[in-house]
Amino acid sequence: MWEDDQDYGRSTTAKVVDECDSVNGCDKEHAFQPPCRNNIVDASAAVWDALGLDQALGDVPVTWSLA
């Protein structure tokens, strides 16, 4: 469950399909991306759209939980 914290009152449900290694970064399959900061959740364009958010914002505060 994802919910935005921007007073839009929207939420959506999305499946977690990958997890960033915040110490070592990603493997070859994930393009060797660098390690993530703590408490970072990446989302597909569909999640941004469902929350009514502009992807150009980059990072936005959200509340999320395991459903």
C-alpha atoms as a PDB file:
ATOM      1  CA  MET A   1       0.000   0.000   0.000  1.00  0.00           C
ATOM      2  CA  TRP A   2       1.403   3.390  -0.989  1.00  0.00           C
ATOM      3  CA  GLU A   3      -0.059   6.672   0.125  1.00  0.00           C
ATOM      4  CA  ASP A   4       1.174  10.114  -0.740  1.00  0.00           C
ATOM      5  CA  ASP A   5       1.879  12.645   1.995  1.00  0.00           C
ATOM      6  CA  GLN A   6       1.029  15.695  -0.093  1.00  0.00           C
ATOM      7  CA  ASP A   7      -2.572  16.060   1.105  1.00  0.00           C
ATOM      8  CA  TYR A   8      -3.967  14.594  -2.102  1.00  0.00           C
ATOM      9  CA  GLY A   9      -5.584  11.752  -0.188  1.00  0.00           C
ATOM     10  CA  ARG A  10      -4.744   9.176  -2.830  1.00  0.00           C
ATOM     11  CA  SER A  11      -3.440   5.675  -2.326  1.00  0.00           C
ATOM     12  CA  THR A  12      -2.655   2.676  -4.467  1.00  0.00           C
ATOM     13  CA  THR A  13      -1.476  -0.885  -4.099  1.00  0.00           C
ATOM     14  CA  ALA A  14       1.675  -2.066  -5.850  1.00  0.00           C
ATOM     15  CA  LYS A  15       3.692  -5.263  -5.790  1.00  0.00           C
ATOM     16  CA  VAL A  16       7.299  -5.068  -4.622  1.00  0.00           C
ATOM     17  CA  VAL A  17       9.391  -6.866  -7.208  1.00  0.00           C
ATOM     18  CA  ASP A  18      12.964  -5.875  -6.358  1.00  0.00           C
ATOM     19  CA  GLU A  19      14.998  -4.654  -3.428  1.00  0.00           C
ATOM     20  CA  CYS A  20      18.023  -2.386  -3.563  1.00  0.00           C
ATOM     21  CA  ASP A  21      21.092  -3.485  -1.615  1.00  0.00           C
ATOM     22  CA  SER A  22      21.715  -0.255   0.287  1.00  0.00           C
ATOM     23  CA  VAL A  23      25.272  -1.307   1.144  1.00  0.00           C
ATOM     24  CA  ASN A  24      26.629  -2.873  -2.043  1.00  0.00           C
ATOM     25  CA  GLY A  25      24.392  -1.494  -4.777  1.00  0.00           C
ATOM     26  CA  CYS A  26      22.844  -3.540  -7.550  1.00  0.00           C
ATOM     27  CA  ASP A  27      24.055  -6.518  -9.569  1.00  0.00           C
ATOM     28  CA  LYS A  28      24.503  -6.820 -13.333  1.00  0.00           C
ATOM     29  CA  GLU A  29      20.811  -7.646 -13.846  1.00  0.00           C
ATOM     30  CA  HIS A  30      19.973  -4.247 -12.345  1.00  0.00           C
ATOM     31  CA  ALA A  31      22.563  -2.236 -14.286  1.00  0.00           C
ATOM     32  CA  PHE A  32      25.034  -1.983 -11.378  1.00  0.00           C
ATOM     33  CA  GLN A  33      23.102   0.940  -9.908  1.00  0.00           C
ATOM     34  CA  PRO A  34      24.852   2.541  -6.909  1.00  0.00           C
ATOM     35  CA  PRO A  35      23.629   1.889  -3.351  1.00  0.00           C
ATOM     36  CA  CYS A  36      20.381   3.602  -2.366  1.00  0.00           C
ATOM     37  CA  ARG A  37      19.906   5.922   0.585  1.00  0.00           C
ATOM     38  CA  ASN A  38      18.011   4.445   3.516  1.00  0.00           C
ATOM     39  CA  ASN A  39      14.197   4.378   3.321  1.00  0.00           C
ATOM     40  CA  ILE A  40      14.038   4.815  -0.437  1.00  0.00           C
ATOM     41  CA  VAL A  41      11.209   3.163  -2.333  1.00  0.00           C
ATOM     42  CA  ASP A  42      11.279   3.340  -6.112  1.00  0.00           C
ATOM     43  CA  ALA A  43       8.022   3.133  -8.025  1.00  0.00           C
ATOM     44  CA  SER A  44       6.924   2.562 -11.593  1.00  0.00           C
ATOM     45  CA  ALA A  45       5.282   5.230 -13.707  1.00  0.00           C
ATOM     46  CA  ALA A  46       1.939   3.512 -13.047  1.00  0.00           C
ATOM     47  CA  VAL A  47       2.296   4.117  -9.288  1.00  0.00           C
ATOM     48  CA  TRP A  48       3.165   7.785  -9.823  1.00  0.00           C
ATOM     49  CA  ASP A  49       0.148   8.133 -12.117  1.00  0.00           C
ATOM     50  CA  ALA A  50      -2.169   6.386  -9.649  1.00  0.00           C
ATOM     51  CA  LEU A  51      -1.063   8.825  -6.950  1.00  0.00           C
ATOM     52  CA  GLY A  52      -1.495  11.786  -9.296  1.00  0.00           C
ATOM     53  CA  LEU A  53       2.157  12.759  -8.937  1.00  0.00           C
ATOM     54  CA  ASP A  54       4.445  14.339 -11.524  1.00  0.00           C
ATOM     55  CA  GLN A  55       7.546  12.157 -11.991  1.00  0.00           C
ATOM     56  CA  ALA A  56       9.562  15.307 -12.677  1.00  0.00           C
ATOM     57  CA  LEU A  57       9.351  15.993  -8.926  1.00  0.00           C
ATOM     58  CA  GLY A  58      11.936  13.256  -8.428  1.00  0.00           C
ATOM     59  CA  ASP A  59      11.626  12.427  -4.723  1.00  0.00           C
ATOM     60  CA  VAL A  60       8.390  12.868  -2.799  1.00  0.00           C
ATOM     61  CA  PRO A  61       7.527  11.823   0.755  1.00  0.00           C
ATOM     62  CA  VAL A  62       5.146   8.882   0.924  1.00  0.00           C
ATOM     63  CA  THR A  63       3.873   6.537   3.570  1.00  0.00           C
ATOM     64  CA  TRP A  64       3.956   2.864   2.725  1.00  0.00           C
ATOM     65  CA  SER A  65       3.235  -0.386   4.487  1.00  0.00           C
ATOM     66  CA  LEU A  66       3.148  -4.085   3.779  1.00  0.00           C
ATOM     67  CA  ALA A  67      -0.380  -5.088   2.851  1.00  0.00           C
END
